[in-house]
Amino acid sequence: RVTRYRYKKNLDDPWIVPEVDHFDDEGFYAGKITGDEDR
């Protein structure tokens, strides 16, 4: 029950799965990402 993530440079590229592919730890759930230009 963690929030996982993937990333890539271009949408046509395969997703990169980092070695640690989740934020925080068990119990942080339904995480959503938002931001501005710097954060």
Full PDB file with SEQRES, HELIX, SHEET, SSBOND, CRYST1, ORIGX, SCALE, CONECT and MASTER records, all heavy atoms in Angstrom:
SEQRES   1 A   39  ARG VAL THR ARG TYR ARG TYR LYS LYS ASN LEU ASP ASP          
SEQRES   2 A   39  PRO TRP ILE VAL PRO GLU VAL ASP HIS PHE ASP ASP GLU          
SEQRES   3 A   39  GLY PHE TYR ALA GLY LYS ILE THR GLY ASP GLU ASP ARG          
CRYST1    1.000    1.000    1.000  90.00  90.00  90.00 P 1           1          
ORIGX1      1.000000  0.000000  0.000000        0.00000                         
ORIGX2      0.000000  1.000000  0.000000        0.00000                         
ORIGX3      0.000000  0.000000  1.000000        0.00000                         
SCALE1      1.000000  0.000000  0.000000        0.00000                         
SCALE2      0.000000  1.000000  0.000000        0.00000                         
SCALE3      0.000000  0.000000  1.000000        0.00000                         
ATOM      1  N   ARG A   1       0.829  -1.216   0.000  1.00  0.00           N  
ATOM      2  CA  ARG A   1       0.000   0.000   0.000  1.00  0.00           C  
ATOM      3  C   ARG A   1       0.859   1.261   0.000  1.00  0.00           C  
ATOM      4  O   ARG A   1       0.762   2.097   0.880  1.00  0.00           O  
ATOM      5  CB  ARG A   1      -0.986  -0.021   1.155  1.00  0.00           C  
ATOM      6  CG  ARG A   1      -1.931  -1.218   1.068  1.00  0.00           C  
ATOM      7  CD  ARG A   1      -3.091  -1.158   2.007  1.00  0.00           C  
ATOM      8  NE  ARG A   1      -4.058  -0.135   1.681  1.00  0.00           N  
ATOM      9  CZ  ARG A   1      -4.995  -0.215   0.742  1.00  0.00           C  
ATOM     10  NH1 ARG A   1      -5.073  -1.277  -0.013  1.00  0.00           N  
ATOM     11  NH2 ARG A   1      -5.839   0.756   0.549  1.00  0.00           N  
ATOM     12  N   VAL A   2       1.710   1.367  -0.997  1.00  0.00           N  
ATOM     13  CA  VAL A   2       2.558   2.543  -1.164  1.00  0.00           C  
ATOM     14  C   VAL A   2       2.180   3.269  -2.448  1.00  0.00           C  
ATOM     15  O   VAL A   2       1.495   2.717  -3.312  1.00  0.00           O  
ATOM     16  CB  VAL A   2       4.057   2.166  -1.212  1.00  0.00           C  
ATOM     17  CG1 VAL A   2       4.524   1.594   0.123  1.00  0.00           C  
ATOM     18  CG2 VAL A   2       4.360   1.208  -2.351  1.00  0.00           C  
ATOM     19  N   THR A   3       2.641   4.501  -2.585  1.00  0.00           N  
ATOM     20  CA  THR A   3       2.464   5.261  -3.817  1.00  0.00           C  
ATOM     21  C   THR A   3       3.744   5.116  -4.633  1.00  0.00           C  
ATOM     22  O   THR A   3       4.813   5.556  -4.214  1.00  0.00           O  
ATOM     23  CB  THR A   3       2.164   6.738  -3.518  1.00  0.00           C  
ATOM     24  OG1 THR A   3       0.958   6.809  -2.757  1.00  0.00           O  
ATOM     25  CG2 THR A   3       2.001   7.536  -4.800  1.00  0.00           C  
ATOM     26  N   ARG A   4       3.630   4.476  -5.782  1.00  0.00           N  
ATOM     27  CA  ARG A   4       4.771   4.193  -6.649  1.00  0.00           C  
ATOM     28  C   ARG A   4       4.873   5.225  -7.773  1.00  0.00           C  
ATOM     29  O   ARG A   4       3.900   5.901  -8.079  1.00  0.00           O  
ATOM     30  CB  ARG A   4       4.633   2.796  -7.247  1.00  0.00           C  
ATOM     31  CG  ARG A   4       4.620   1.709  -6.180  1.00  0.00           C  
ATOM     32  CD  ARG A   4       4.704   0.320  -6.785  1.00  0.00           C  
ATOM     33  NE  ARG A   4       4.675  -0.697  -5.762  1.00  0.00           N  
ATOM     34  CZ  ARG A   4       5.728  -1.091  -5.056  1.00  0.00           C  
ATOM     35  NH1 ARG A   4       6.906  -0.551  -5.293  1.00  0.00           N  
ATOM     36  NH2 ARG A   4       5.616  -2.026  -4.135  1.00  0.00           N  
ATOM     37  N   TYR A   5       6.057   5.300  -8.400  1.00  0.00           N  
ATOM     38  CA  TYR A   5       6.214   6.198  -9.535  1.00  0.00           C  
ATOM     39  C   TYR A   5       7.147   5.610 -10.583  1.00  0.00           C  
ATOM     40  O   TYR A   5       7.938   4.723 -10.321  1.00  0.00           O  
ATOM     41  CB  TYR A   5       6.706   7.576  -9.087  1.00  0.00           C  
ATOM     42  CG  TYR A   5       8.171   7.628  -8.699  1.00  0.00           C  
ATOM     43  CD1 TYR A   5       9.130   8.075  -9.607  1.00  0.00           C  
ATOM     44  CD2 TYR A   5       8.583   7.243  -7.439  1.00  0.00           C  
ATOM     45  CE1 TYR A   5      10.468   8.123  -9.251  1.00  0.00           C  
ATOM     46  CE2 TYR A   5       9.914   7.287  -7.082  1.00  0.00           C  
ATOM     47  CZ  TYR A   5      10.846   7.735  -7.993  1.00  0.00           C  
ATOM     48  OH  TYR A   5      12.179   7.778  -7.642  1.00  0.00           O  
ATOM     49  N   ARG A   6       6.982   6.127 -11.795  1.00  0.00           N  
ATOM     50  CA  ARG A   6       7.813   5.808 -12.951  1.00  0.00           C  
ATOM     51  C   ARG A   6       8.137   7.136 -13.619  1.00  0.00           C  
ATOM     52  O   ARG A   6       7.432   8.121 -13.430  1.00  0.00           O  
ATOM     53  CB  ARG A   6       7.056   4.930 -13.962  1.00  0.00           C  
ATOM     54  CG  ARG A   6       6.328   3.721 -13.370  1.00  0.00           C  
ATOM     55  CD  ARG A   6       7.310   2.688 -12.919  1.00  0.00           C  
ATOM     56  NE  ARG A   6       6.657   1.468 -12.466  1.00  0.00           N  
ATOM     57  CZ  ARG A   6       6.656   1.064 -11.213  1.00  0.00           C  
ATOM     58  NH1 ARG A   6       7.203   1.810 -10.263  1.00  0.00           N  
ATOM     59  NH2 ARG A   6       6.113  -0.083 -10.874  1.00  0.00           N  
ATOM     60  N   TYR A   7       9.168   7.163 -14.459  1.00  0.00           N  
ATOM     61  CA  TYR A   7       9.485   8.393 -15.174  1.00  0.00           C  
ATOM     62  C   TYR A   7      10.124   8.073 -16.523  1.00  0.00           C  
ATOM     63  O   TYR A   7      10.597   6.965 -16.754  1.00  0.00           O  
ATOM     64  CB  TYR A   7      10.384   9.307 -14.329  1.00  0.00           C  
ATOM     65  CG  TYR A   7      11.779   8.787 -14.101  1.00  0.00           C  
ATOM     66  CD1 TYR A   7      12.838   9.221 -14.900  1.00  0.00           C  
ATOM     67  CD2 TYR A   7      12.057   7.864 -13.100  1.00  0.00           C  
ATOM     68  CE1 TYR A   7      14.124   8.747 -14.695  1.00  0.00           C  
ATOM     69  CE2 TYR A   7      13.328   7.383 -12.885  1.00  0.00           C  
ATOM     70  CZ  TYR A   7      14.360   7.834 -13.686  1.00  0.00           C  
ATOM     71  OH  TYR A   7      15.629   7.360 -13.495  1.00  0.00           O  
ATOM     72  N   LYS A   8      10.111   9.077 -17.402  1.00  0.00           N  
ATOM     73  CA  LYS A   8      10.764   8.950 -18.701  1.00  0.00           C  
ATOM     74  C   LYS A   8      10.868  10.315 -19.346  1.00  0.00           C  
ATOM     75  O   LYS A   8      10.153  11.256 -18.987  1.00  0.00           O  
ATOM     76  CB  LYS A   8      10.016   7.981 -19.613  1.00  0.00           C  
ATOM     77  CG  LYS A   8       8.578   8.333 -19.941  1.00  0.00           C  
ATOM     78  CD  LYS A   8       8.030   7.245 -20.838  1.00  0.00           C  
ATOM     79  CE  LYS A   8       6.543   7.184 -20.915  1.00  0.00           C  
ATOM     80  NZ  LYS A   8       6.109   6.094 -21.804  1.00  0.00           N  
ATOM     81  N   LYS A   9      11.771  10.426 -20.299  1.00  0.00           N  
ATOM     82  CA  LYS A   9      12.022  11.701 -20.980  1.00  0.00           C  
ATOM     83  C   LYS A   9      10.922  11.992 -22.005  1.00  0.00           C  
ATOM     84  O   LYS A   9      10.376  13.074 -22.036  1.00  0.00           O  
ATOM     85  CB  LYS A   9      13.396  11.652 -21.651  1.00  0.00           C  
ATOM     86  CG  LYS A   9      13.856  12.945 -22.230  1.00  0.00           C  
ATOM     87  CD  LYS A   9      14.525  13.779 -21.186  1.00  0.00           C  
ATOM     88  CE  LYS A   9      15.247  14.947 -21.829  1.00  0.00           C  
ATOM     89  NZ  LYS A   9      15.520  15.989 -20.881  1.00  0.00           N  
ATOM     90  N   ASN A  10      10.631  11.029 -22.844  1.00  0.00           N  
ATOM     91  CA  ASN A  10       9.647  11.195 -23.907  1.00  0.00           C  
ATOM     92  C   ASN A  10       8.519  10.182 -23.716  1.00  0.00           C  
ATOM     93  O   ASN A  10       8.771   9.052 -23.311  1.00  0.00           O  
ATOM     94  CB  ASN A  10      10.292  10.980 -25.283  1.00  0.00           C  
ATOM     95  CG  ASN A  10      11.420  11.944 -25.525  1.00  0.00           C  
ATOM     96  OD1 ASN A  10      11.226  13.158 -25.493  1.00  0.00           O  
ATOM     97  ND2 ASN A  10      12.618  11.419 -25.735  1.00  0.00           N  
ATOM     98  N   LEU A  11       7.319  10.558 -24.071  1.00  0.00           N  
ATOM     99  CA  LEU A  11       6.181   9.660 -23.882  1.00  0.00           C  
ATOM    100  C   LEU A  11       6.295   8.365 -24.679  1.00  0.00           C  
ATOM    101  O   LEU A  11       5.710   7.358 -24.309  1.00  0.00           O  
ATOM    102  CB  LEU A  11       4.875  10.380 -24.224  1.00  0.00           C  
ATOM    103  CG  LEU A  11       4.414  11.382 -23.174  1.00  0.00           C  
ATOM    104  CD1 LEU A  11       3.235  12.193 -23.679  1.00  0.00           C  
ATOM    105  CD2 LEU A  11       4.066  10.675 -21.872  1.00  0.00           C  
ATOM    106  N   ASP A  12       7.055   8.364 -25.764  1.00  0.00           N  
ATOM    107  CA  ASP A  12       7.237   7.152 -26.563  1.00  0.00           C  
ATOM    108  C   ASP A  12       8.270   6.205 -25.969  1.00  0.00           C  
ATOM    109  O   ASP A  12       8.358   5.046 -26.381  1.00  0.00           O  
ATOM    110  CB  ASP A  12       7.642   7.511 -27.996  1.00  0.00           C  
ATOM    111  CG  ASP A  12       6.526   8.226 -28.738  1.00  0.00           C  
ATOM    112  OD1 ASP A  12       5.344   7.974 -28.423  1.00  0.00           O  
ATOM    113  OD2 ASP A  12       6.832   9.042 -29.628  1.00  0.00           O  
ATOM    114  N   ASP A  13       9.068   6.674 -25.012  1.00  0.00           N  
ATOM    115  CA  ASP A  13      10.092   5.847 -24.377  1.00  0.00           C  
ATOM    116  C   ASP A  13       9.449   4.874 -23.394  1.00  0.00           C  
ATOM    117  O   ASP A  13       8.357   5.123 -22.887  1.00  0.00           O  
ATOM    118  CB  ASP A  13      11.091   6.715 -23.601  1.00  0.00           C  
ATOM    119  CG  ASP A  13      11.879   7.653 -24.511  1.00  0.00           C  
ATOM    120  OD1 ASP A  13      11.942   7.392 -25.725  1.00  0.00           O  
ATOM    121  OD2 ASP A  13      12.426   8.645 -23.981  1.00  0.00           O  
ATOM    122  N   PRO A  14      10.148   3.787 -23.064  1.00  0.00           N  
ATOM    123  CA  PRO A  14       9.647   2.917 -21.990  1.00  0.00           C  
ATOM    124  C   PRO A  14       9.781   3.623 -20.639  1.00  0.00           C  
ATOM    125  O   PRO A  14      10.663   4.470 -20.462  1.00  0.00           O  
ATOM    126  CB  PRO A  14      10.545   1.678 -22.063  1.00  0.00           C  
ATOM    127  CG  PRO A  14      11.667   2.010 -22.960  1.00  0.00           C  
ATOM    128  CD  PRO A  14      11.334   3.247 -23.715  1.00  0.00           C  
ATOM    129  N   TRP A  15       8.919   3.274 -19.706  1.00  0.00           N  
ATOM    130  CA  TRP A  15       8.985   3.861 -18.366  1.00  0.00           C  
ATOM    131  C   TRP A  15      10.208   3.335 -17.625  1.00  0.00           C  
ATOM    132  O   TRP A  15      10.521   2.149 -17.699  1.00  0.00           O  
ATOM    133  CB  TRP A  15       7.724   3.530 -17.570  1.00  0.00           C  
ATOM    134  CG  TRP A  15       6.529   4.272 -18.057  1.00  0.00           C  
ATOM    135  CD1 TRP A  15       5.532   3.780 -18.846  1.00  0.00           C  
ATOM    136  CD2 TRP A  15       6.204   5.641 -17.808  1.00  0.00           C  
ATOM    137  NE1 TRP A  15       4.610   4.765 -19.091  1.00  0.00           N  
ATOM    138  CE2 TRP A  15       4.996   5.920 -18.469  1.00  0.00           C  
ATOM    139  CE3 TRP A  15       6.819   6.667 -17.086  1.00  0.00           C  
ATOM    140  CZ2 TRP A  15       4.389   7.165 -18.437  1.00  0.00           C  
ATOM    141  CZ3 TRP A  15       6.218   7.914 -17.046  1.00  0.00           C  
ATOM    142  CH2 TRP A  15       5.021   8.155 -17.717  1.00  0.00           C  
ATOM    143  N   ILE A  16      10.882   4.219 -16.917  1.00  0.00           N  
ATOM    144  CA  ILE A  16      12.011   3.850 -16.074  1.00  0.00           C  
ATOM    145  C   ILE A  16      11.464   3.555 -14.682  1.00  0.00           C  
ATOM    146  O   ILE A  16      10.720   4.361 -14.116  1.00  0.00           O  
ATOM    147  CB  ILE A  16      13.051   4.987 -16.023  1.00  0.00           C  
ATOM    148  CG1 ILE A  16      13.608   5.239 -17.429  1.00  0.00           C  
ATOM    149  CG2 ILE A  16      14.164   4.661 -15.020  1.00  0.00           C  
ATOM    150  CD1 ILE A  16      14.398   6.524 -17.561  1.00  0.00           C  
ATOM    151  N   VAL A  17      11.816   2.392 -14.146  1.00  0.00           N  
ATOM    152  CA  VAL A  17      11.404   1.997 -12.801  1.00  0.00           C  
ATOM    153  C   VAL A  17      12.642   2.100 -11.913  1.00  0.00           C  
ATOM    154  O   VAL A  17      13.557   1.282 -12.031  1.00  0.00           O  
ATOM    155  CB  VAL A  17      10.848   0.562 -12.784  1.00  0.00           C  
ATOM    156  CG1 VAL A  17      10.429   0.172 -11.365  1.00  0.00           C  
ATOM    157  CG2 VAL A  17       9.692   0.410 -13.757  1.00  0.00           C  
ATOM    158  N   PRO A  18      12.697   3.111 -11.041  1.00  0.00           N  
ATOM    159  CA  PRO A  18      13.883   3.253 -10.187  1.00  0.00           C  
ATOM    160  C   PRO A  18      13.984   2.113  -9.177  1.00  0.00           C  
ATOM    161  O   PRO A  18      13.006   1.416  -8.904  1.00  0.00           O  
ATOM    162  CB  PRO A  18      13.661   4.594  -9.477  1.00  0.00           C  
ATOM    163  CG  PRO A  18      12.208   4.843  -9.569  1.00  0.00           C  
ATOM    164  CD  PRO A  18      11.698   4.140 -10.784  1.00  0.00           C  
ATOM    165  N   GLU A  19      15.181   1.929  -8.618  1.00  0.00           N  
ATOM    166  CA  GLU A  19      15.392   0.851  -7.650  1.00  0.00           C  
ATOM    167  C   GLU A  19      14.436   0.974  -6.469  1.00  0.00           C  
ATOM    168  O   GLU A  19      13.843  -0.005  -6.034  1.00  0.00           O  
ATOM    169  CB  GLU A  19      16.839   0.863  -7.160  1.00  0.00           C  
ATOM    170  CG  GLU A  19      17.170  -0.298  -6.254  1.00  0.00           C  
ATOM    171  CD  GLU A  19      18.628  -0.323  -5.856  1.00  0.00           C  
ATOM    172  OE1 GLU A  19      19.471   0.255  -6.567  1.00  0.00           O  
ATOM    173  OE2 GLU A  19      18.928  -0.935  -4.817  1.00  0.00           O  
ATOM    174  N   VAL A  20      14.286   2.172  -5.948  1.00  0.00           N  
ATOM    175  CA  VAL A  20      13.270   2.456  -4.936  1.00  0.00           C  
ATOM    176  C   VAL A  20      12.183   3.231  -5.670  1.00  0.00           C  
ATOM    177  O   VAL A  20      12.357   4.401  -5.986  1.00  0.00           O  
ATOM    178  CB  VAL A  20      13.828   3.267  -3.740  1.00  0.00           C  
ATOM    179  CG1 VAL A  20      12.724   3.610  -2.764  1.00  0.00           C  
ATOM    180  CG2 VAL A  20      14.947   2.500  -3.059  1.00  0.00           C  
ATOM    181  N   ASP A  21      11.079   2.563  -5.968  1.00  0.00           N  
ATOM    182  CA  ASP A  21      10.073   3.136  -6.870  1.00  0.00           C  
ATOM    183  C   ASP A  21       8.839   3.655  -6.150  1.00  0.00           C  
ATOM    184  O   ASP A  21       7.765   3.739  -6.729  1.00  0.00           O  
ATOM    185  CB  ASP A  21       9.667   2.115  -7.927  1.00  0.00           C  
ATOM    186  CG  ASP A  21       8.812   0.990  -7.365  1.00  0.00           C  
ATOM    187  OD1 ASP A  21       8.879   0.731  -6.150  1.00  0.00           O  
ATOM    188  OD2 ASP A  21       8.063   0.388  -8.150  1.00  0.00           O  
ATOM    189  N   HIS A  22       8.984   4.005  -4.868  1.00  0.00           N  
ATOM    190  CA  HIS A  22       7.834   4.520  -4.132  1.00  0.00           C  
ATOM    191  C   HIS A  22       8.249   5.709  -3.265  1.00  0.00           C  
ATOM    192  O   HIS A  22       9.425   5.879  -2.935  1.00  0.00           O  
ATOM    193  CB  HIS A  22       7.198   3.427  -3.260  1.00  0.00           C  
ATOM    194  CG  HIS A  22       8.125   2.849  -2.245  1.00  0.00           C  
ATOM    195  ND1 HIS A  22       8.987   1.821  -2.541  1.00  0.00           N  
ATOM    196  CD2 HIS A  22       8.328   3.157  -0.948  1.00  0.00           C  
ATOM    197  CE1 HIS A  22       9.677   1.520  -1.463  1.00  0.00           C  
ATOM    198  NE2 HIS A  22       9.305   2.320  -0.483  1.00  0.00           N  
ATOM    199  N   PHE A  23       7.255   6.532  -2.934  1.00  0.00           N  
ATOM    200  CA  PHE A  23       7.461   7.670  -2.052  1.00  0.00           C  
ATOM    201  C   PHE A  23       7.194   7.225  -0.618  1.00  0.00           C  
ATOM    202  O   PHE A  23       6.306   6.422  -0.373  1.00  0.00           O  
ATOM    203  CB  PHE A  23       6.474   8.802  -2.387  1.00  0.00           C  
ATOM    204  CG  PHE A  23       6.595   9.309  -3.793  1.00  0.00           C  
ATOM    205  CD1 PHE A  23       5.644   8.971  -4.742  1.00  0.00           C  
ATOM    206  CD2 PHE A  23       7.644  10.110  -4.174  1.00  0.00           C  
ATOM    207  CE1 PHE A  23       5.725   9.441  -6.035  1.00  0.00           C  
ATOM    208  CE2 PHE A  23       7.747  10.595  -5.467  1.00  0.00           C  
ATOM    209  CZ  PHE A  23       6.789  10.252  -6.403  1.00  0.00           C  
ATOM    210  N   ASP A  24       7.920   7.776   0.312  1.00  0.00           N  
ATOM    211  CA  ASP A  24       7.694   7.519   1.728  1.00  0.00           C  
ATOM    212  C   ASP A  24       7.727   6.021   1.992  1.00  0.00           C  
ATOM    213  O   ASP A  24       8.685   5.359   1.603  1.00  0.00           O  
ATOM    214  CB  ASP A  24       6.395   8.176   2.186  1.00  0.00           C  
ATOM    215  CG  ASP A  24       6.372   8.438   3.692  1.00  0.00           C  
ATOM    216  OD1 ASP A  24       7.362   8.122   4.358  1.00  0.00           O  
ATOM    217  OD2 ASP A  24       5.361   8.941   4.182  1.00  0.00           O  
ATOM    218  N   ASP A  25       6.722   5.462   2.614  1.00  0.00           N  
ATOM    219  CA  ASP A  25       6.742   4.039   2.935  1.00  0.00           C  
ATOM    220  C   ASP A  25       5.316   3.529   3.082  1.00  0.00           C  
ATOM    221  O   ASP A  25       4.362   4.250   2.769  1.00  0.00           O  
ATOM    222  CB  ASP A  25       7.539   3.793   4.218  1.00  0.00           C  
ATOM    223  CG  ASP A  25       8.163   2.401   4.253  1.00  0.00           C  
ATOM    224  OD1 ASP A  25       7.811   1.551   3.412  1.00  0.00           O  
ATOM    225  OD2 ASP A  25       9.007   2.170   5.119  1.00  0.00           O  
ATOM    226  N   GLU A  26       5.168   2.331   3.590  1.00  0.00           N  
ATOM    227  CA  GLU A  26       3.843   1.734   3.728  1.00  0.00           C  
ATOM    228  C   GLU A  26       2.928   2.653   4.526  1.00  0.00           C  
ATOM    229  O   GLU A  26       3.327   3.227   5.534  1.00  0.00           O  
ATOM    230  CB  GLU A  26       3.943   0.372   4.414  1.00  0.00           C  
ATOM    231  CG  GLU A  26       4.633  -0.653   3.558  1.00  0.00           C  
ATOM    232  CD  GLU A  26       4.667  -2.034   4.195  1.00  0.00           C  
ATOM    233  OE1 GLU A  26       3.977  -2.269   5.191  1.00  0.00           O  
ATOM    234  OE2 GLU A  26       5.402  -2.872   3.659  1.00  0.00           O  
ATOM    235  N   GLY A  27       1.718   2.792   4.053  1.00  0.00           N  
ATOM    236  CA  GLY A  27       0.737   3.619   4.745  1.00  0.00           C  
ATOM    237  C   GLY A  27       0.509   4.958   4.074  1.00  0.00           C  
ATOM    238  O   GLY A  27      -0.563   5.526   4.209  1.00  0.00           O  
ATOM    239  N   PHE A  28       1.506   5.499   3.343  1.00  0.00           N  
ATOM    240  CA  PHE A  28       1.244   6.724   2.581  1.00  0.00           C  
ATOM    241  C   PHE A  28       0.576   6.278   1.294  1.00  0.00           C  
ATOM    242  O   PHE A  28       1.198   5.657   0.443  1.00  0.00           O  
ATOM    243  CB  PHE A  28       2.522   7.501   2.281  1.00  0.00           C  
ATOM    244  CG  PHE A  28       2.245   8.722   1.452  1.00  0.00           C  
ATOM    245  CD1 PHE A  28       1.736   9.859   2.049  1.00  0.00           C  
ATOM    246  CD2 PHE A  28       2.453   8.720   0.087  1.00  0.00           C  
ATOM    247  CE1 PHE A  28       1.440  10.983   1.293  1.00  0.00           C  
ATOM    248  CE2 PHE A  28       2.164   9.831  -0.676  1.00  0.00           C  
ATOM    249  CZ  PHE A  28       1.663  10.962  -0.070  1.00  0.00           C  
ATOM    250  N   TYR A  29      -0.711   6.599   1.149  1.00  0.00           N  
ATOM    251  CA  TYR A  29      -1.501   5.987   0.084  1.00  0.00           C  
ATOM    252  C   TYR A  29      -2.267   7.051  -0.701  1.00  0.00           C  
ATOM    253  O   TYR A  29      -2.555   8.125  -0.184  1.00  0.00           O  
ATOM    254  CB  TYR A  29      -2.488   4.985   0.691  1.00  0.00           C  
ATOM    255  CG  TYR A  29      -3.073   4.061  -0.338  1.00  0.00           C  
ATOM    256  CD1 TYR A  29      -2.295   3.083  -0.927  1.00  0.00           C  
ATOM    257  CD2 TYR A  29      -4.390   4.196  -0.746  1.00  0.00           C  
ATOM    258  CE1 TYR A  29      -2.819   2.242  -1.888  1.00  0.00           C  
ATOM    259  CE2 TYR A  29      -4.917   3.356  -1.703  1.00  0.00           C  
ATOM    260  CZ  TYR A  29      -4.128   2.387  -2.268  1.00  0.00           C  
ATOM    261  OH  TYR A  29      -4.638   1.566  -3.231  1.00  0.00           O  
ATOM    262  N   ALA A  30      -2.616   6.703  -1.910  1.00  0.00           N  
ATOM    263  CA  ALA A  30      -3.394   7.576  -2.798  1.00  0.00           C  
ATOM    264  C   ALA A  30      -2.684   8.902  -3.011  1.00  0.00           C  
ATOM    265  O   ALA A  30      -3.304   9.936  -3.136  1.00  0.00           O  
ATOM    266  CB  ALA A  30      -4.810   7.785  -2.255  1.00  0.00           C  
ATOM    267  N   GLY A  31      -1.360   8.851  -3.058  1.00  0.00           N  
ATOM    268  CA  GLY A  31      -0.576  10.066  -3.288  1.00  0.00           C  
ATOM    269  C   GLY A  31      -0.760  10.597  -4.690  1.00  0.00           C  
ATOM    270  O   GLY A  31      -0.814   9.836  -5.653  1.00  0.00           O  
ATOM    271  N   LYS A  32      -0.859  11.892  -4.803  1.00  0.00           N  
ATOM    272  CA  LYS A  32      -0.973  12.568  -6.096  1.00  0.00           C  
ATOM    273  C   LYS A  32       0.171  13.577  -6.190  1.00  0.00           C  
ATOM    274  O   LYS A  32       0.629  14.116  -5.190  1.00  0.00           O  
ATOM    275  CB  LYS A  32      -2.306  13.304  -6.214  1.00  0.00           C  
ATOM    276  CG  LYS A  32      -3.533  12.413  -6.040  1.00  0.00           C  
ATOM    277  CD  LYS A  32      -3.821  11.586  -7.245  1.00  0.00           C  
ATOM    278  CE  LYS A  32      -4.759  12.310  -8.162  1.00  0.00           C  
ATOM    279  NZ  LYS A  32      -5.050  11.583  -9.378  1.00  0.00           N  
ATOM    280  N   ILE A  33       0.633  13.836  -7.409  1.00  0.00           N  
ATOM    281  CA  ILE A  33       1.731  14.771  -7.639  1.00  0.00           C  
ATOM    282  C   ILE A  33       1.178  16.024  -8.290  1.00  0.00           C  
ATOM    283  O   ILE A  33       0.367  15.964  -9.211  1.00  0.00           O  
ATOM    284  CB  ILE A  33       2.791  14.169  -8.583  1.00  0.00           C  
ATOM    285  CG1 ILE A  33       3.314  12.839  -8.055  1.00  0.00           C  
ATOM    286  CG2 ILE A  33       3.938  15.144  -8.776  1.00  0.00           C  
ATOM    287  CD1 ILE A  33       4.205  12.123  -9.051  1.00  0.00           C  
ATOM    288  N   THR A  34       1.637  17.163  -7.829  1.00  0.00           N  
ATOM    289  CA  THR A  34       1.361  18.439  -8.482  1.00  0.00           C  
ATOM    290  C   THR A  34       2.609  19.293  -8.327  1.00  0.00           C  
ATOM    291  O   THR A  34       3.552  18.897  -7.659  1.00  0.00           O  
ATOM    292  CB  THR A  34       0.108  19.125  -7.888  1.00  0.00           C  
ATOM    293  OG1 THR A  34      -0.263  20.226  -8.721  1.00  0.00           O  
ATOM    294  CG2 THR A  34       0.367  19.610  -6.475  1.00  0.00           C  
ATOM    295  N   GLY A  35       2.636  20.451  -8.942  1.00  0.00           N  
ATOM    296  CA  GLY A  35       3.828  21.280  -8.808  1.00  0.00           C  
ATOM    297  C   GLY A  35       3.733  22.570  -9.585  1.00  0.00           C  
ATOM    298  O   GLY A  35       2.722  22.879 -10.219  1.00  0.00           O  
ATOM    299  N   ASP A  36       4.818  23.307  -9.505  1.00  0.00           N  
ATOM    300  CA  ASP A  36       4.970  24.506 -10.319  1.00  0.00           C  
ATOM    301  C   ASP A  36       6.265  24.328 -11.112  1.00  0.00           C  
ATOM    302  O   ASP A  36       6.761  23.207 -11.240  1.00  0.00           O  
ATOM    303  CB  ASP A  36       4.957  25.770  -9.442  1.00  0.00           C  
ATOM    304  CG  ASP A  36       6.044  25.788  -8.378  1.00  0.00           C  
ATOM    305  OD1 ASP A  36       7.082  25.084  -8.544  1.00  0.00           O  
ATOM    306  OD2 ASP A  36       5.875  26.498  -7.378  1.00  0.00           O  
ATOM    307  N   GLU A  37       6.840  25.395 -11.616  1.00  0.00           N  
ATOM    308  CA  GLU A  37       8.026  25.256 -12.464  1.00  0.00           C  
ATOM    309  C   GLU A  37       9.261  24.791 -11.705  1.00  0.00           C  
ATOM    310  O   GLU A  37      10.176  24.232 -12.293  1.00  0.00           O  
ATOM    311  CB  GLU A  37       8.307  26.574 -13.162  1.00  0.00           C  
ATOM    312  CG  GLU A  37       7.241  26.941 -14.175  1.00  0.00           C  
ATOM    313  CD  GLU A  37       7.501  28.276 -14.839  1.00  0.00           C  
ATOM    314  OE1 GLU A  37       8.582  28.868 -14.630  1.00  0.00           O  
ATOM    315  OE2 GLU A  37       6.609  28.740 -15.576  1.00  0.00           O  
ATOM    316  N   ASP A  38       9.295  25.015 -10.394  1.00  0.00           N  
ATOM    317  CA  ASP A  38      10.498  24.717  -9.622  1.00  0.00           C  
ATOM    318  C   ASP A  38      10.369  23.579  -8.616  1.00  0.00           C  
ATOM    319  O   ASP A  38      11.370  23.070  -8.135  1.00  0.00           O  
ATOM    320  CB  ASP A  38      10.948  25.971  -8.855  1.00  0.00           C  
ATOM    321  CG  ASP A  38      11.318  27.097  -9.791  1.00  0.00           C  
ATOM    322  OD1 ASP A  38      12.011  26.827 -10.794  1.00  0.00           O  
ATOM    323  OD2 ASP A  38      10.897  28.234  -9.536  1.00  0.00           O  
ATOM    324  N   ARG A  39       9.142  23.222  -8.248  1.00  0.00           N  
ATOM    325  CA  ARG A  39       8.967  22.261  -7.168  1.00  0.00           C  
ATOM    326  C   ARG A  39       7.857  21.269  -7.498  1.00  0.00           C  
ATOM    327  O   ARG A  39       6.889  21.607  -8.158  1.00  0.00           O  
ATOM    328  CB  ARG A  39       8.590  22.971  -5.865  1.00  0.00           C  
ATOM    329  CG  ARG A  39       9.618  23.976  -5.409  1.00  0.00           C  
ATOM    330  CD  ARG A  39       9.105  24.776  -4.254  1.00  0.00           C  
ATOM    331  NE  ARG A  39       7.963  25.592  -4.700  1.00  0.00           N  
ATOM    332  CZ  ARG A  39       7.231  26.351  -3.909  1.00  0.00           C  
ATOM    333  NH1 ARG A  39       7.498  26.399  -2.626  1.00  0.00           N  
ATOM    334  NH2 ARG A  39       6.231  27.060  -4.375  1.00  0.00           N  
TER     335      ARG A  39                                                      
MASTER        0    0    0    0    0    0    0    6  334    1    0    3          
END                                                                             
